[in-house]
Structure formats: C-alpha cells, structure tokens
Amino acid sequence: MDLNQEILNKVQDVLTSATDEDKHVLSQLLNGLQAKHSGEYKTYITSFMKTSIQESEDQLEMSIPITPFLSNSVDIVHGGFTATLADTAMGTLVNRKIPENLVAVTSEMKLNYIAPGVGEELRCEATILHLGSKTSVTEGKIYNNEGTLVAAASGSFYLIPR
C-alpha cells in the first residue's frame, strides 16, 4: 500500500468515530499543511498554531487563536504551546532586526506561568532589551484576549552566520 492510500485510510478511520472536536483538530492540521505549502507560513508549527503578526518599530505582537489543538488535559492551553509562542515571537523580532547574513537562535529562555491560558486567543508582546553583535536579550509578555497576563518570558539569542 502506498503512503497516500495509508493516509486516506487513517483519515477515513478517524472520521467514522470522530467527535466534532476531533474533526476541528483534523481540519486545523490540514489547513495548516495547506498554508505551509502555499508559503503563507515558514514552519509547520506556526502554521498549525495559526500565528499572526503585527509589528511596530520597537515591538512585535504574535497572536494565536485558542483551539482544541492547543489544549492540555484540563482544557487550558498546554504550557509548551505558550512557551513556543513566546520563543517564536521573541526570535522573530530579533531576526527582523539583524543583518540578513545572520540568524538568531535561542540560547536560553525562562518562562513564568501566571494565569491559565483560556479565552479566544493568546497574544505575545515581544521587545528587545539588548541587541549586540553576538547576542540579544528579549522579553515577551503573553496575554489572553481579556488582557489577563498569562505568562512572562525572557530569552537570550545567539547571533550566528546564516
């Protein structure tokens, strides 16, 4: 059996007993794959999380809708997705502020969880505290759509040749 047929069989098996939530998650995964292939997103994780970005001169805001795909066993956003949002927002900001021949990679990150990730979306406000020739230090504050501070992050990034 070829891989395409194997995937189709698995999707059909899932759909026969899927809940509406299961179908929503499967649809989100398929939409994410299509968005990645169309070039709308550079990475799979950002396409699956459905990130959106707004940027000003000093700050980058990255938002994700809260969906069942992101939930942990107690129906709040899994802490790993919250951390991924912080890391991605902070790293994206640094990468947009450095020369094209360099790339910023995370060397350290700290995250304090303050409130449950609930609501309609999470939004990370990332700012650069220091941008040098070899490293950068950033911070990110993650809020839900009601303005509740969900987490606070700090990150260090190495600047290395691309």
Protein backbone atom coordinates (compact mmCIF):
# COMPACT_ATOMS: atom_id res chain seq x y z
CA MET A 1 0.00 0.00 0.00
CA ASP A 2 1.39 3.43 -0.89
CA LEU A 3 1.67 6.25 1.61
CA ASN A 4 -1.19 8.28 0.10
CA GLN A 5 -3.59 5.35 0.46
CA GLU A 6 -2.39 4.67 4.00
CA ILE A 7 -3.07 8.29 4.97
CA LEU A 8 -6.51 8.25 3.32
CA ASN A 9 -7.40 5.05 5.17
CA LYS A 10 -6.34 6.55 8.51
CA VAL A 11 -8.35 9.72 7.89
CA GLN A 12 -11.43 7.67 6.97
CA ASP A 13 -11.00 5.52 10.11
CA VAL A 14 -10.74 8.61 12.29
CA LEU A 15 -13.76 10.26 10.69
CA THR A 16 -16.03 7.25 11.30
CA SER A 17 -15.89 7.76 15.07
CA ALA A 18 -14.66 11.36 15.32
CA THR A 19 -16.27 13.90 17.60
CA ASP A 20 -16.85 17.43 16.34
CA GLU A 21 -13.73 18.44 18.30
CA ASP A 22 -11.70 15.70 16.57
CA LYS A 23 -12.90 16.96 13.19
CA HIS A 24 -12.00 20.53 14.12
CA VAL A 25 -8.45 19.47 15.08
CA LEU A 26 -8.02 17.41 11.90
CA SER A 27 -9.27 20.34 9.82
CA GLN A 28 -6.84 22.68 11.59
CA LEU A 29 -3.94 20.31 10.82
CA LEU A 30 -4.91 20.02 7.16
CA ASN A 31 -5.42 23.78 6.85
CA GLY A 32 -2.00 24.26 8.45
CA LEU A 33 -0.37 21.95 5.93
CA GLN A 34 -2.04 23.80 3.07
CA ALA A 35 -0.94 27.17 4.48
CA LYS A 36 2.66 25.93 4.85
CA HIS A 37 2.71 24.57 1.30
CA SER A 38 1.27 27.80 -0.12
CA GLY A 39 4.05 29.80 1.55
CA GLU A 40 1.79 31.60 4.00
CA TYR A 41 3.92 30.21 6.86
CA LYS A 42 7.60 29.25 7.00
CA THR A 43 7.28 26.44 9.56
CA TYR A 44 4.82 23.67 10.35
CA ILE A 45 4.41 24.70 13.98
CA THR A 46 3.45 28.29 13.13
CA SER A 47 1.00 27.04 10.51
CA PHE A 48 -0.61 24.58 12.94
CA MET A 49 -0.81 27.26 15.65
CA LYS A 50 -2.19 29.77 13.09
CA THR A 51 0.11 32.59 14.17
CA SER A 52 -0.50 36.16 13.08
CA ILE A 53 1.93 39.05 13.46
CA GLN A 54 1.68 42.79 13.97
CA GLU A 55 4.88 44.77 14.19
CA SER A 56 5.87 48.26 15.20
CA GLU A 57 9.35 49.73 15.29
CA ASP A 58 10.11 48.54 18.83
CA GLN A 59 7.79 45.59 19.33
CA LEU A 60 6.34 42.51 17.67
CA GLU A 61 2.97 41.06 18.62
CA MET A 62 2.28 37.45 17.72
CA SER A 63 -1.18 36.01 18.31
CA ILE A 64 -2.66 32.53 18.15
CA PRO A 65 -6.30 31.50 18.43
CA ILE A 66 -7.04 29.18 21.32
CA THR A 67 -8.30 25.96 19.75
CA PRO A 68 -8.72 22.36 20.95
CA PHE A 69 -5.42 21.55 19.19
CA LEU A 70 -3.61 23.59 21.87
CA SER A 71 -5.41 22.19 24.92
CA ASN A 72 -3.94 20.06 27.66
CA SER A 73 -5.86 17.53 29.76
CA VAL A 74 -7.51 20.25 31.89
CA ASP A 75 -8.74 22.26 28.87
CA ILE A 76 -6.28 25.14 29.04
CA VAL A 77 -3.51 25.93 26.55
CA HIS A 78 -0.66 23.47 27.05
CA GLY A 79 2.35 25.22 28.57
CA GLY A 80 4.55 24.02 25.73
CA PHE A 81 2.46 25.97 23.21
CA THR A 82 2.62 29.04 25.45
CA ALA A 83 6.42 28.66 25.53
CA THR A 84 6.52 28.15 21.76
CA LEU A 85 4.51 31.34 21.25
CA ALA A 86 6.96 33.29 23.45
CA ASP A 87 10.06 31.80 21.82
CA THR A 88 8.74 32.31 18.30
CA ALA A 89 7.63 35.91 18.91
CA MET A 90 10.90 36.91 20.57
CA GLY A 91 13.04 35.12 17.99
CA THR A 92 11.07 36.52 15.07
CA LEU A 93 11.56 40.05 16.39
CA VAL A 94 15.31 39.61 16.79
CA ASN A 95 15.63 38.02 13.34
CA ARG A 96 13.85 41.01 11.80
CA LYS A 97 16.28 43.44 13.45
CA ILE A 98 19.61 41.85 12.49
CA PRO A 99 21.50 41.79 9.17
CA GLU A 100 20.37 39.18 6.64
CA ASN A 101 23.69 37.32 6.83
CA LEU A 102 22.95 36.43 10.48
CA VAL A 103 20.30 34.32 12.17
CA ALA A 104 19.22 34.43 15.81
CA VAL A 105 18.86 31.10 17.63
CA THR A 106 17.59 30.65 21.16
CA SER A 107 20.36 30.09 23.70
CA GLU A 108 18.23 30.38 26.86
CA MET A 109 14.63 31.04 27.76
CA LYS A 110 12.78 31.44 31.05
CA LEU A 111 9.03 31.45 31.33
CA ASN A 112 6.86 32.20 34.34
CA TYR A 113 3.28 30.98 34.05
CA ILE A 114 0.94 33.39 35.81
CA ALA A 115 -2.63 32.52 34.78
CA PRO A 116 -4.34 29.74 32.79
CA GLY A 117 -4.30 30.05 29.01
CA VAL A 118 -8.03 30.42 28.41
CA GLY A 119 -10.22 32.59 26.21
CA GLU A 120 -10.26 33.16 22.48
CA GLU A 121 -6.59 33.92 21.79
CA LEU A 122 -3.13 34.38 23.26
CA ARG A 123 -1.00 37.36 22.26
CA CYS A 124 2.72 37.72 22.95
CA GLU A 125 4.19 41.23 23.05
CA ALA A 126 7.92 40.83 22.40
CA THR A 127 10.52 43.55 22.93
CA ILE A 128 14.28 43.63 22.65
CA LEU A 129 16.13 44.62 25.81
CA HIS A 130 19.61 44.34 24.28
CA LEU A 131 20.80 43.77 20.73
CA GLY A 132 24.53 43.32 20.37
CA SER A 133 26.76 41.94 17.64
CA LYS A 134 26.77 38.38 19.06
CA THR A 135 23.76 38.13 21.40
CA SER A 136 20.33 39.55 22.07
CA VAL A 137 18.18 39.60 25.19
CA THR A 138 14.41 39.86 24.82
CA GLU A 139 11.25 39.72 26.84
CA GLY A 140 7.79 38.56 25.97
CA LYS A 141 4.53 39.07 27.82
CA ILE A 142 1.65 36.79 26.92
CA TYR A 143 -1.91 37.98 27.39
CA ASN A 144 -5.28 36.43 26.65
CA ASN A 145 -7.97 38.33 24.74
CA GLU A 146 -9.33 39.80 28.00
CA GLY A 147 -5.95 41.39 28.80
CA THR A 148 -5.01 38.93 31.56
CA LEU A 149 -1.26 38.35 31.82
CA VAL A 150 -0.86 34.60 31.25
CA ALA A 151 2.95 34.32 31.20
CA ALA A 152 6.13 36.38 31.22
CA ALA A 153 9.22 35.26 29.34
CA SER A 154 12.80 36.29 28.84
CA GLY A 155 15.05 34.92 26.17
CA SER A 156 18.64 35.11 25.05
CA PHE A 157 19.62 34.55 21.44
CA TYR A 158 22.97 33.87 19.79
CA LEU A 159 23.54 35.67 16.50
CA ILE A 160 25.31 33.27 14.16
CA PRO A 161 26.13 33.27 10.42
CA ARG A 162 23.19 32.18 8.29
